[in-house]
């Protein structure tokens, strides 16, 4: 009989969780950035083949520091907002759904305090299998990798330890095979054509935010959100065209000017980069128009958070 189950990917911010999930399912759906806390929502993606079905749960980077310093990343106060509370609940809530938990880390011989704290949030050893997934192995020697494995083996009884490179895909076939060894027998949880349970327009909003984070670099902090205001398909001379109108929301007037850029140059760069990924996602030409709006303190406004797709009620739905 085929296997089916939920696999949660956890770890401190910016260790490559979204990149790994994208590689495992063979399609870019979760956004990535070198900046911590890029992922805000819980995303389910579905891997289906003849052995069965794996539903991956990607999560925001877990907050090991409850004092509001966003797990030591320097984003002071980030988790002291309603958005921060949503992200924390999204990350920790996925542990309740998991048949297997993947603890993703980087190949550093010394374990970080944040990772020790995250391990403290896990179910008692034996309740749910926990794999240690050591990412970015193409950046270190075998000697260093051995030290990493030894260090983590001392602090938690991992059921499996699997080195991978999320960027190149090395080791991911072994990871998939091992997951099927542990998952329970059962019928598929989604139909075979399903790739994610996240709405198309929410993925496009995340794509736009990813491009903004990458292009703006450190000029604008994480206090931006994106909403897709309208998304309509029409037939053009060269085929189907999707007209997308979206708003980039920020909290400060000074940030608005930076996002727009001189003569609208930065906003145009964001739109061009986002349009390319959106076309790959939906399989048609995209006509994208972006606006920048100010919504002061949106991260602490429940109604606005829901409008951006951060609804805590959805975290309790299966």
C-alpha atoms as a PDB file:
ATOM      1  CA  UNK A   1       0.000   0.000   0.000  1.00  0.00           C
ATOM      2  CA  UNK A   2       1.128   3.548  -0.705  1.00  0.00           C
ATOM      3  CA  UNK A   3       2.395   5.906   1.982  1.00  0.00           C
ATOM      4  CA  UNK A   4       1.027   9.365   2.854  1.00  0.00           C
ATOM      5  CA  UNK A   5       1.783  11.916   5.546  1.00  0.00           C
ATOM      6  CA  UNK A   6       2.878  15.364   6.679  1.00  0.00           C
ATOM      7  CA  UNK A   7       6.522  16.431   6.914  1.00  0.00           C
ATOM      8  CA  UNK A   8       7.353  19.674   8.711  1.00  0.00           C
ATOM      9  CA  UNK A   9      10.530  21.583   7.886  1.00  0.00           C
ATOM     10  CA  UNK A  10      11.829  23.629  10.827  1.00  0.00           C
ATOM     11  CA  UNK A  11      14.977  25.500  11.732  1.00  0.00           C
ATOM     12  CA  UNK A  12      16.264  28.897  12.675  1.00  0.00           C
ATOM     13  CA  UNK A  13      15.769  31.751  10.173  1.00  0.00           C
ATOM     14  CA  UNK A  14      17.679  31.764   6.916  1.00  0.00           C
ATOM     15  CA  UNK A  15      19.037  28.199   6.835  1.00  0.00           C
ATOM     16  CA  UNK A  16      17.374  27.330   3.512  1.00  0.00           C
ATOM     17  CA  UNK A  17      14.000  25.821   4.458  1.00  0.00           C
ATOM     18  CA  UNK A  18      12.116  27.341   1.533  1.00  0.00           C
ATOM     19  CA  UNK A  19      14.897  26.505  -0.925  1.00  0.00           C
ATOM     20  CA  UNK A  20      14.860  22.882   0.247  1.00  0.00           C
ATOM     21  CA  UNK A  21      11.096  22.625  -0.120  1.00  0.00           C
ATOM     22  CA  UNK A  22      11.209  24.113  -3.623  1.00  0.00           C
ATOM     23  CA  UNK A  23      13.915  21.609  -4.602  1.00  0.00           C
ATOM     24  CA  UNK A  24      12.042  18.624  -3.157  1.00  0.00           C
ATOM     25  CA  UNK A  25       8.850  19.350  -5.096  1.00  0.00           C
ATOM     26  CA  UNK A  26      10.703  20.440  -8.224  1.00  0.00           C
ATOM     27  CA  UNK A  27       9.028  23.828  -8.508  1.00  0.00           C
ATOM     28  CA  UNK A  28       9.573  27.256  -7.019  1.00  0.00           C
ATOM     29  CA  UNK A  29       6.587  28.154  -4.856  1.00  0.00           C
ATOM     30  CA  UNK A  30       8.096  29.442  -1.618  1.00  0.00           C
ATOM     31  CA  UNK A  31      10.030  32.692  -1.799  1.00  0.00           C
ATOM     32  CA  UNK A  32      13.664  32.880  -0.777  1.00  0.00           C
ATOM     33  CA  UNK A  33      16.008  35.660   0.296  1.00  0.00           C
ATOM     34  CA  UNK A  34      19.242  36.014   2.193  1.00  0.00           C
ATOM     35  CA  UNK A  35      17.283  38.023   4.778  1.00  0.00           C
ATOM     36  CA  UNK A  36      15.874  36.265   7.841  1.00  0.00           C
ATOM     37  CA  UNK A  37      12.084  36.040   8.245  1.00  0.00           C
ATOM     38  CA  UNK A  38      11.422  36.037   4.505  1.00  0.00           C
ATOM     39  CA  UNK A  39       8.823  33.283   4.925  1.00  0.00           C
ATOM     40  CA  UNK A  40       5.754  34.552   6.799  1.00  0.00           C
ATOM     41  CA  UNK A  41       2.968  32.112   6.065  1.00  0.00           C
ATOM     42  CA  UNK A  42       2.659  28.368   6.500  1.00  0.00           C
ATOM     43  CA  UNK A  43       2.716  26.742   3.081  1.00  0.00           C
ATOM     44  CA  UNK A  44       1.736  23.183   2.226  1.00  0.00           C
ATOM     45  CA  UNK A  45       3.302  21.715  -0.887  1.00  0.00           C
ATOM     46  CA  UNK A  46       2.591  18.262  -2.246  1.00  0.00           C
ATOM     47  CA  UNK A  47       4.999  15.675  -3.640  1.00  0.00           C
ATOM     48  CA  UNK A  48       3.255  12.728  -5.307  1.00  0.00           C
ATOM     49  CA  UNK A  49       4.702   9.641  -6.991  1.00  0.00           C
ATOM     50  CA  UNK A  50       4.088   5.889  -7.143  1.00  0.00           C
ATOM     51  CA  UNK A  51       5.378   5.320  -3.595  1.00  0.00           C
ATOM     52  CA  UNK A  52       2.804   7.710  -2.184  1.00  0.00           C
ATOM     53  CA  UNK A  53       2.379  11.350  -1.213  1.00  0.00           C
ATOM     54  CA  UNK A  54       4.380  13.679   1.017  1.00  0.00           C
ATOM     55  CA  UNK A  55       2.829  16.955   2.168  1.00  0.00           C
ATOM     56  CA  UNK A  56       5.617  19.342   3.137  1.00  0.00           C
ATOM     57  CA  UNK A  57       4.919  22.128   5.622  1.00  0.00           C
ATOM     58  CA  UNK A  58       7.260  25.077   5.202  1.00  0.00           C
ATOM     59  CA  UNK A  59       7.290  27.453   8.159  1.00  0.00           C
ATOM     60  CA  UNK A  60       8.626  30.853   9.169  1.00  0.00           C
ATOM     61  CA  UNK A  61      11.979  30.642  10.937  1.00  0.00           C
ATOM     62  CA  UNK A  62      11.280  29.715  14.535  1.00  0.00           C
ATOM     63  CA  UNK A  63      11.770  32.378  17.163  1.00  0.00           C
ATOM     64  CA  UNK A  64      14.042  30.914  19.812  1.00  0.00           C
ATOM     65  CA  UNK A  65      14.338  34.241  21.617  1.00  0.00           C
ATOM     66  CA  UNK A  66      11.043  35.337  23.159  1.00  0.00           C
ATOM     67  CA  UNK A  67      12.463  38.741  24.082  1.00  0.00           C
ATOM     68  CA  UNK A  68      11.643  40.132  20.669  1.00  0.00           C
ATOM     69  CA  UNK A  69      15.016  40.024  18.928  1.00  0.00           C
ATOM     70  CA  UNK A  70      13.801  37.617  16.239  1.00  0.00           C
ATOM     71  CA  UNK A  71      16.096  34.750  17.149  1.00  0.00           C
ATOM     72  CA  UNK A  72      19.129  36.973  17.425  1.00  0.00           C
ATOM     73  CA  UNK A  73      18.846  38.328  13.889  1.00  0.00           C
ATOM     74  CA  UNK A  74      18.879  41.953  14.929  1.00  0.00           C
ATOM     75  CA  UNK A  75      15.268  42.666  13.986  1.00  0.00           C
ATOM     76  CA  UNK A  76      14.467  44.013  17.454  1.00  0.00           C
ATOM     77  CA  UNK A  77      10.772  43.942  18.262  1.00  0.00           C
ATOM     78  CA  UNK A  78       9.805  42.022  15.132  1.00  0.00           C
ATOM     79  CA  UNK A  79       8.041  39.342  17.131  1.00  0.00           C
ATOM     80  CA  UNK A  80       6.370  41.890  19.394  1.00  0.00           C
ATOM     81  CA  UNK A  81       3.701  42.535  16.765  1.00  0.00           C
ATOM     82  CA  UNK A  82       0.565  40.665  15.733  1.00  0.00           C
ATOM     83  CA  UNK A  83       2.396  39.632  12.559  1.00  0.00           C
ATOM     84  CA  UNK A  84       5.196  38.208  14.705  1.00  0.00           C
ATOM     85  CA  UNK A  85       2.692  36.291  16.822  1.00  0.00           C
ATOM     86  CA  UNK A  86       1.094  34.885  13.667  1.00  0.00           C
ATOM     87  CA  UNK A  87       4.474  33.744  12.332  1.00  0.00           C
ATOM     88  CA  UNK A  88       5.430  32.127  15.622  1.00  0.00           C
ATOM     89  CA  UNK A  89       2.110  30.295  15.843  1.00  0.00           C
ATOM     90  CA  UNK A  90       2.459  29.165  12.222  1.00  0.00           C
ATOM     91  CA  UNK A  91       5.925  27.756  12.904  1.00  0.00           C
ATOM     92  CA  UNK A  92       5.156  25.980  16.164  1.00  0.00           C
ATOM     93  CA  UNK A  93       1.695  24.810  15.086  1.00  0.00           C
ATOM     94  CA  UNK A  94       3.074  22.653  12.282  1.00  0.00           C
ATOM     95  CA  UNK A  95       4.753  20.416  14.847  1.00  0.00           C
ATOM     96  CA  UNK A  96       1.323  19.119  15.885  1.00  0.00           C
ATOM     97  CA  UNK A  97       0.540  17.993  12.329  1.00  0.00           C
ATOM     98  CA  UNK A  98       3.797  16.249  11.530  1.00  0.00           C
ATOM     99  CA  UNK A  99       4.401  12.564  10.879  1.00  0.00           C
ATOM    100  CA  UNK A 100       8.085  13.393  10.435  1.00  0.00           C
ATOM    101  CA  UNK A 101       9.981  16.558  11.410  1.00  0.00           C
ATOM    102  CA  UNK A 102      12.997  17.780   9.465  1.00  0.00           C
ATOM    103  CA  UNK A 103      15.338  19.958  11.519  1.00  0.00           C
ATOM    104  CA  UNK A 104      17.358  21.918   8.979  1.00  0.00           C
ATOM    105  CA  UNK A 105      20.721  23.366   9.928  1.00  0.00           C
ATOM    106  CA  UNK A 106      23.937  24.630   8.402  1.00  0.00           C
ATOM    107  CA  UNK A 107      27.247  22.717   8.543  1.00  0.00           C
ATOM    108  CA  UNK A 108      28.767  24.490  11.523  1.00  0.00           C
ATOM    109  CA  UNK A 109      30.557  22.286  14.095  1.00  0.00           C
ATOM    110  CA  UNK A 110      29.218  24.298  17.044  1.00  0.00           C
ATOM    111  CA  UNK A 111      25.479  24.147  17.619  1.00  0.00           C
ATOM    112  CA  UNK A 112      23.801  27.522  18.036  1.00  0.00           C
ATOM    113  CA  UNK A 113      21.795  28.506  21.089  1.00  0.00           C
ATOM    114  CA  UNK A 114      18.782  29.183  18.851  1.00  0.00           C
ATOM    115  CA  UNK A 115      18.868  25.635  17.530  1.00  0.00           C
ATOM    116  CA  UNK A 116      19.106  24.137  20.993  1.00  0.00           C
ATOM    117  CA  UNK A 117      16.050  26.174  21.972  1.00  0.00           C
ATOM    118  CA  UNK A 118      14.128  24.994  18.890  1.00  0.00           C
ATOM    119  CA  UNK A 119      14.953  21.382  19.727  1.00  0.00           C
ATOM    120  CA  UNK A 120      13.427  22.049  23.129  1.00  0.00           C
ATOM    121  CA  UNK A 121      10.104  22.766  21.400  1.00  0.00           C
ATOM    122  CA  UNK A 122      10.001  19.364  19.718  1.00  0.00           C
ATOM    123  CA  UNK A 123       7.804  16.495  20.911  1.00  0.00           C
ATOM    124  CA  UNK A 124       9.386  13.984  23.284  1.00  0.00           C
ATOM    125  CA  UNK A 125      11.896  11.786  21.525  1.00  0.00           C
ATOM    126  CA  UNK A 126      10.120   8.747  20.134  1.00  0.00           C
ATOM    127  CA  UNK A 127       6.732  10.400  19.580  1.00  0.00           C
ATOM    128  CA  UNK A 128       7.572  11.789  16.138  1.00  0.00           C
ATOM    129  CA  UNK A 129      10.675  10.871  14.121  1.00  0.00           C
ATOM    130  CA  UNK A 130      13.016  13.855  13.814  1.00  0.00           C
ATOM    131  CA  UNK A 131      15.628  13.944  11.048  1.00  0.00           C
ATOM    132  CA  UNK A 132      18.630  16.263  11.133  1.00  0.00           C
ATOM    133  CA  UNK A 133      19.095  17.703   7.644  1.00  0.00           C
ATOM    134  CA  UNK A 134      22.479  19.359   7.223  1.00  0.00           C
ATOM    135  CA  UNK A 135      22.181  21.835   4.351  1.00  0.00           C
ATOM    136  CA  UNK A 136      24.865  23.522   2.229  1.00  0.00           C
ATOM    137  CA  UNK A 137      27.194  20.515   2.359  1.00  0.00           C
ATOM    138  CA  UNK A 138      28.811  21.625  -0.903  1.00  0.00           C
ATOM    139  CA  UNK A 139      30.427  24.466   1.099  1.00  0.00           C
ATOM    140  CA  UNK A 140      32.406  22.330   3.575  1.00  0.00           C
ATOM    141  CA  UNK A 141      34.864  19.423   3.698  1.00  0.00           C
ATOM    142  CA  UNK A 142      33.955  15.892   4.748  1.00  0.00           C
ATOM    143  CA  UNK A 143      36.034  16.431   7.894  1.00  0.00           C
ATOM    144  CA  UNK A 144      33.910  19.428   8.907  1.00  0.00           C
ATOM    145  CA  UNK A 145      30.739  17.557   8.064  1.00  0.00           C
ATOM    146  CA  UNK A 146      31.792  14.737  10.386  1.00  0.00           C
ATOM    147  CA  UNK A 147      32.290  17.227  13.232  1.00  0.00           C
ATOM    148  CA  UNK A 148      28.826  18.686  12.607  1.00  0.00           C
ATOM    149  CA  UNK A 149      27.218  15.247  12.764  1.00  0.00           C
ATOM    150  CA  UNK A 150      29.083  14.439  16.000  1.00  0.00           C
ATOM    151  CA  UNK A 151      28.080  17.736  17.619  1.00  0.00           C
ATOM    152  CA  UNK A 152      24.372  17.364  16.890  1.00  0.00           C
ATOM    153  CA  UNK A 153      24.303  13.684  17.802  1.00  0.00           C
ATOM    154  CA  UNK A 154      25.269  14.679  21.354  1.00  0.00           C
ATOM    155  CA  UNK A 155      22.306  16.998  21.935  1.00  0.00           C
ATOM    156  CA  UNK A 156      19.326  15.137  20.410  1.00  0.00           C
ATOM    157  CA  UNK A 157      18.489  11.526  19.423  1.00  0.00           C
ATOM    158  CA  UNK A 158      17.828  12.188  15.747  1.00  0.00           C
ATOM    159  CA  UNK A 159      16.280   9.223  13.961  1.00  0.00           C
ATOM    160  CA  UNK A 160      18.211   9.983  10.782  1.00  0.00           C
ATOM    161  CA  UNK A 161      20.981  12.423   9.809  1.00  0.00           C
ATOM    162  CA  UNK A 162      21.025  13.293   6.107  1.00  0.00           C
ATOM    163  CA  UNK A 163      23.442  15.792   4.494  1.00  0.00           C
ATOM    164  CA  UNK A 164      22.011  17.682   1.496  1.00  0.00           C
ATOM    165  CA  UNK A 165      22.500  20.682  -0.726  1.00  0.00           C
ATOM    166  CA  UNK A 166      19.145  22.367  -1.245  1.00  0.00           C
ATOM    167  CA  UNK A 167      20.718  24.553  -3.928  1.00  0.00           C
ATOM    168  CA  UNK A 168      22.063  21.714  -6.117  1.00  0.00           C
ATOM    169  CA  UNK A 169      19.709  18.908  -5.058  1.00  0.00           C
ATOM    170  CA  UNK A 170      22.522  16.676  -3.783  1.00  0.00           C
ATOM    171  CA  UNK A 171      21.210  14.191  -1.222  1.00  0.00           C
ATOM    172  CA  UNK A 172      17.552  15.041  -1.766  1.00  0.00           C
ATOM    173  CA  UNK A 173      16.722  11.734  -3.474  1.00  0.00           C
ATOM    174  CA  UNK A 174      18.046   9.935  -0.405  1.00  0.00           C
ATOM    175  CA  UNK A 175      15.941  12.205   1.794  1.00  0.00           C
ATOM    176  CA  UNK A 176      12.741  11.441  -0.152  1.00  0.00           C
ATOM    177  CA  UNK A 177      13.388   7.695  -0.027  1.00  0.00           C
ATOM    178  CA  UNK A 178      14.038   7.774   3.709  1.00  0.00           C
ATOM    179  CA  UNK A 179      10.878   9.792   4.332  1.00  0.00           C
ATOM    180  CA  UNK A 180       8.770   7.145   2.574  1.00  0.00           C
ATOM    181  CA  UNK A 181      10.338   4.544   4.884  1.00  0.00           C
ATOM    182  CA  UNK A 182       8.908   6.401   7.887  1.00  0.00           C
ATOM    183  CA  UNK A 183       5.540   7.663   6.676  1.00  0.00           C
ATOM    184  CA  UNK A 184       2.399   5.701   7.561  1.00  0.00           C
ATOM    185  CA  UNK A 185       0.425   3.750   5.013  1.00  0.00           C
ATOM    186  CA  UNK A 186      -2.591   5.601   3.726  1.00  0.00           C
ATOM    187  CA  UNK A 187      -4.512   7.112   0.855  1.00  0.00           C
ATOM    188  CA  UNK A 188      -3.323  10.376  -0.757  1.00  0.00           C
ATOM    189  CA  UNK A 189      -4.307  13.494   1.160  1.00  0.00           C
ATOM    190  CA  UNK A 190      -4.613  15.562  -2.036  1.00  0.00           C
ATOM    191  CA  UNK A 191      -5.302  14.658  -5.657  1.00  0.00           C
ATOM    192  CA  UNK A 192      -2.268  13.888  -7.759  1.00  0.00           C
ATOM    193  CA  UNK A 193      -2.302  17.218  -9.611  1.00  0.00           C
ATOM    194  CA  UNK A 194      -2.200  19.371  -6.482  1.00  0.00           C
ATOM    195  CA  UNK A 195       1.120  21.113  -5.842  1.00  0.00           C
ATOM    196  CA  UNK A 196       0.128  23.523  -3.055  1.00  0.00           C
ATOM    197  CA  UNK A 197      -2.873  24.634  -1.012  1.00  0.00           C
ATOM    198  CA  UNK A 198      -1.866  28.299  -1.169  1.00  0.00           C
ATOM    199  CA  UNK A 199      -3.900  30.517  -3.477  1.00  0.00           C
ATOM    200  CA  UNK A 200      -2.241  31.544  -6.722  1.00  0.00           C
ATOM    201  CA  UNK A 201      -2.656  35.251  -5.954  1.00  0.00           C
ATOM    202  CA  UNK A 202      -0.993  34.797  -2.532  1.00  0.00           C
ATOM    203  CA  UNK A 203       2.009  33.127  -4.169  1.00  0.00           C
ATOM    204  CA  UNK A 204       2.265  36.025  -6.625  1.00  0.00           C
ATOM    205  CA  UNK A 205       2.077  38.503  -3.728  1.00  0.00           C
ATOM    206  CA  UNK A 206       4.975  36.648  -2.100  1.00  0.00           C
ATOM    207  CA  UNK A 207       6.923  36.701  -5.379  1.00  0.00           C
ATOM    208  CA  UNK A 208       6.595  40.490  -5.542  1.00  0.00           C
ATOM    209  CA  UNK A 209       7.715  40.795  -1.919  1.00  0.00           C
ATOM    210  CA  UNK A 210      10.704  38.534  -2.602  1.00  0.00           C
ATOM    211  CA  UNK A 211      11.856  40.734  -5.488  1.00  0.00           C
ATOM    212  CA  UNK A 212      11.420  43.855  -3.358  1.00  0.00           C
ATOM    213  CA  UNK A 213      13.516  42.366  -0.543  1.00  0.00           C
ATOM    214  CA  UNK A 214      16.250  41.315  -2.930  1.00  0.00           C
ATOM    215  CA  UNK A 215      16.433  44.598  -4.858  1.00  0.00           C
ATOM    216  CA  UNK A 216      16.038  46.927  -1.902  1.00  0.00           C
ATOM    217  CA  UNK A 217      18.691  45.057   0.057  1.00  0.00           C
ATOM    218  CA  UNK A 218      19.104  46.736   3.471  1.00  0.00           C
ATOM    219  CA  UNK A 219      17.454  50.039   2.592  1.00  0.00           C
ATOM    220  CA  UNK A 220      13.972  49.009   3.682  1.00  0.00           C
ATOM    221  CA  UNK A 221      13.398  46.598   6.608  1.00  0.00           C
ATOM    222  CA  UNK A 222      10.849  43.815   6.670  1.00  0.00           C
ATOM    223  CA  UNK A 223       7.963  46.202   7.327  1.00  0.00           C
ATOM    224  CA  UNK A 224       6.523  45.709   3.855  1.00  0.00           C
ATOM    225  CA  UNK A 225       3.621  43.606   2.653  1.00  0.00           C
ATOM    226  CA  UNK A 226       2.077  42.965  -0.735  1.00  0.00           C
ATOM    227  CA  UNK A 227      -1.538  42.507  -1.740  1.00  0.00           C
ATOM    228  CA  UNK A 228      -2.741  41.422  -5.175  1.00  0.00           C
ATOM    229  CA  UNK A 229      -5.696  43.751  -5.672  1.00  0.00           C
ATOM    230  CA  UNK A 230      -6.945  42.183  -8.905  1.00  0.00           C
ATOM    231  CA  UNK A 231      -5.961  39.314 -11.171  1.00  0.00           C
ATOM    232  CA  UNK A 232      -7.862  38.809 -14.413  1.00  0.00           C
ATOM    233  CA  UNK A 233      -7.225  36.645 -17.458  1.00  0.00           C
ATOM    234  CA  UNK A 234      -8.000  37.754 -21.020  1.00  0.00           C
ATOM    235  CA  UNK A 235      -7.248  36.553 -24.507  1.00  0.00           C
ATOM    236  CA  UNK A 236      -4.721  38.562 -26.492  1.00  0.00           C
ATOM    237  CA  UNK A 237      -3.278  38.215 -29.986  1.00  0.00           C
ATOM    238  CA  UNK A 238      -0.396  36.078 -28.729  1.00  0.00           C
ATOM    239  CA  UNK A 239      -2.471  34.015 -26.287  1.00  0.00           C
ATOM    240  CA  UNK A 240      -3.713  34.333 -22.723  1.00  0.00           C
ATOM    241  CA  UNK A 241      -2.659  37.392 -20.740  1.00  0.00           C
ATOM    242  CA  UNK A 242      -3.085  37.852 -17.000  1.00  0.00           C
ATOM    243  CA  UNK A 243      -3.529  41.442 -15.810  1.00  0.00           C
ATOM    244  CA  UNK A 244      -2.249  41.781 -12.248  1.00  0.00           C
ATOM    245  CA  UNK A 245      -2.649  44.914 -10.136  1.00  0.00           C
ATOM    246  CA  UNK A 246      -0.798  44.797  -6.833  1.00  0.00           C
ATOM    247  CA  UNK A 247       0.124  47.102  -3.976  1.00  0.00           C
ATOM    248  CA  UNK A 248       3.341  47.178  -1.991  1.00  0.00           C
ATOM    249  CA  UNK A 249       2.459  48.422   1.478  1.00  0.00           C
ATOM    250  CA  UNK A 250       4.955  50.072   3.789  1.00  0.00           C
ATOM    251  CA  UNK A 251       4.721  51.896   7.089  1.00  0.00           C
ATOM    252  CA  UNK A 252       6.760  55.044   6.381  1.00  0.00           C
ATOM    253  CA  UNK A 253       6.788  57.825   3.817  1.00  0.00           C
ATOM    254  CA  UNK A 254      10.566  57.594   3.533  1.00  0.00           C
ATOM    255  CA  UNK A 255      10.313  53.903   2.678  1.00  0.00           C
ATOM    256  CA  UNK A 256       7.723  54.636  -0.001  1.00  0.00           C
ATOM    257  CA  UNK A 257      10.158  56.951  -1.757  1.00  0.00           C
ATOM    258  CA  UNK A 258      12.898  54.302  -1.643  1.00  0.00           C
ATOM    259  CA  UNK A 259      10.605  51.587  -3.032  1.00  0.00           C
ATOM    260  CA  UNK A 260       9.515  53.805  -5.917  1.00  0.00           C
ATOM    261  CA  UNK A 261      13.045  55.040  -6.605  1.00  0.00           C
ATOM    262  CA  UNK A 262      14.171  57.947  -8.742  1.00  0.00           C
ATOM    263  CA  UNK A 263      11.763  58.353 -11.618  1.00  0.00           C
ATOM    264  CA  UNK A 264      10.039  55.106 -10.598  1.00  0.00           C
ATOM    265  CA  UNK A 265      13.135  53.093 -11.513  1.00  0.00           C
ATOM    266  CA  UNK A 266      13.168  50.788  -8.481  1.00  0.00           C
ATOM    267  CA  UNK A 267       9.452  49.989  -8.691  1.00  0.00           C
ATOM    268  CA  UNK A 268       9.908  49.136 -12.354  1.00  0.00           C
ATOM    269  CA  UNK A 269      12.788  46.758 -11.519  1.00  0.00           C
ATOM    270  CA  UNK A 270      10.669  45.022  -8.876  1.00  0.00           C
ATOM    271  CA  UNK A 271       7.758  44.644 -11.312  1.00  0.00           C
ATOM    272  CA  UNK A 272       9.933  43.303 -14.131  1.00  0.00           C
ATOM    273  CA  UNK A 273      11.606  40.689 -11.920  1.00  0.00           C
ATOM    274  CA  UNK A 274       8.264  39.636 -10.386  1.00  0.00           C
ATOM    275  CA  UNK A 275       6.561  39.402 -13.765  1.00  0.00           C
ATOM    276  CA  UNK A 276       9.109  36.847 -15.006  1.00  0.00           C
ATOM    277  CA  UNK A 277       8.504  34.511 -12.049  1.00  0.00           C
ATOM    278  CA  UNK A 278       4.732  35.051 -12.222  1.00  0.00           C
ATOM    279  CA  UNK A 279       4.701  34.025 -15.877  1.00  0.00           C
ATOM    280  CA  UNK A 280       6.575  30.832 -15.033  1.00  0.00           C
ATOM    281  CA  UNK A 281       4.133  30.110 -12.227  1.00  0.00           C
ATOM    282  CA  UNK A 282       0.868  30.562 -14.132  1.00  0.00           C
ATOM    283  CA  UNK A 283       2.061  29.622 -17.623  1.00  0.00           C
ATOM    284  CA  UNK A 284       0.874  32.731 -19.443  1.00  0.00           C
ATOM    285  CA  UNK A 285       1.957  36.269 -20.257  1.00  0.00           C
ATOM    286  CA  UNK A 286       1.570  38.723 -17.394  1.00  0.00           C
ATOM    287  CA  UNK A 287       0.839  42.435 -17.466  1.00  0.00           C
ATOM    288  CA  UNK A 288       1.763  43.656 -13.969  1.00  0.00           C
ATOM    289  CA  UNK A 289       1.116  47.080 -12.468  1.00  0.00           C
ATOM    290  CA  UNK A 290       2.420  48.006  -9.012  1.00  0.00           C
ATOM    291  CA  UNK A 291       1.528  50.788  -6.604  1.00  0.00           C
ATOM    292  CA  UNK A 292       3.104  51.747  -3.264  1.00  0.00           C
ATOM    293  CA  UNK A 293       0.829  52.606  -0.351  1.00  0.00           C
ATOM    294  CA  UNK A 294       1.382  53.624   3.260  1.00  0.00           C
ATOM    295  CA  UNK A 295      -0.417  51.717   6.013  1.00  0.00           C
ATOM    296  CA  UNK A 296       1.008  52.774   9.352  1.00  0.00           C
ATOM    297  CA  UNK A 297       1.368  49.969  11.910  1.00  0.00           C
ATOM    298  CA  UNK A 298      -0.181  47.381   9.570  1.00  0.00           C
ATOM    299  CA  UNK A 299       1.715  44.619  11.389  1.00  0.00           C
ATOM    300  CA  UNK A 300      -0.426  45.271  14.473  1.00  0.00           C
ATOM    301  CA  UNK A 301      -3.744  45.625  12.651  1.00  0.00           C
ATOM    302  CA  UNK A 302      -5.704  42.365  12.637  1.00  0.00           C
ATOM    303  CA  UNK A 303      -7.972  43.399   9.753  1.00  0.00           C
ATOM    304  CA  UNK A 304      -5.049  44.375   7.534  1.00  0.00           C
ATOM    305  CA  UNK A 305      -3.135  41.211   8.418  1.00  0.00           C
ATOM    306  CA  UNK A 306      -6.094  39.131   7.242  1.00  0.00           C
ATOM    307  CA  UNK A 307      -6.226  41.149   4.028  1.00  0.00           C
ATOM    308  CA  UNK A 308      -2.594  40.221   3.383  1.00  0.00           C
ATOM    309  CA  UNK A 309      -3.373  36.521   3.965  1.00  0.00           C
ATOM    310  CA  UNK A 310      -2.052  36.228   7.533  1.00  0.00           C
ATOM    311  CA  UNK A 311      -5.166  34.818   9.200  1.00  0.00           C
ATOM    312  CA  UNK A 312      -4.469  32.887  12.405  1.00  0.00           C
ATOM    313  CA  UNK A 313      -7.780  31.019  12.086  1.00  0.00           C
ATOM    314  CA  UNK A 314      -6.431  29.182   9.046  1.00  0.00           C
ATOM    315  CA  UNK A 315      -3.551  27.797  11.117  1.00  0.00           C
ATOM    316  CA  UNK A 316      -6.006  25.551  12.959  1.00  0.00           C
ATOM    317  CA  UNK A 317      -7.568  24.106   9.799  1.00  0.00           C
ATOM    318  CA  UNK A 318      -6.348  20.802   8.387  1.00  0.00           C
END
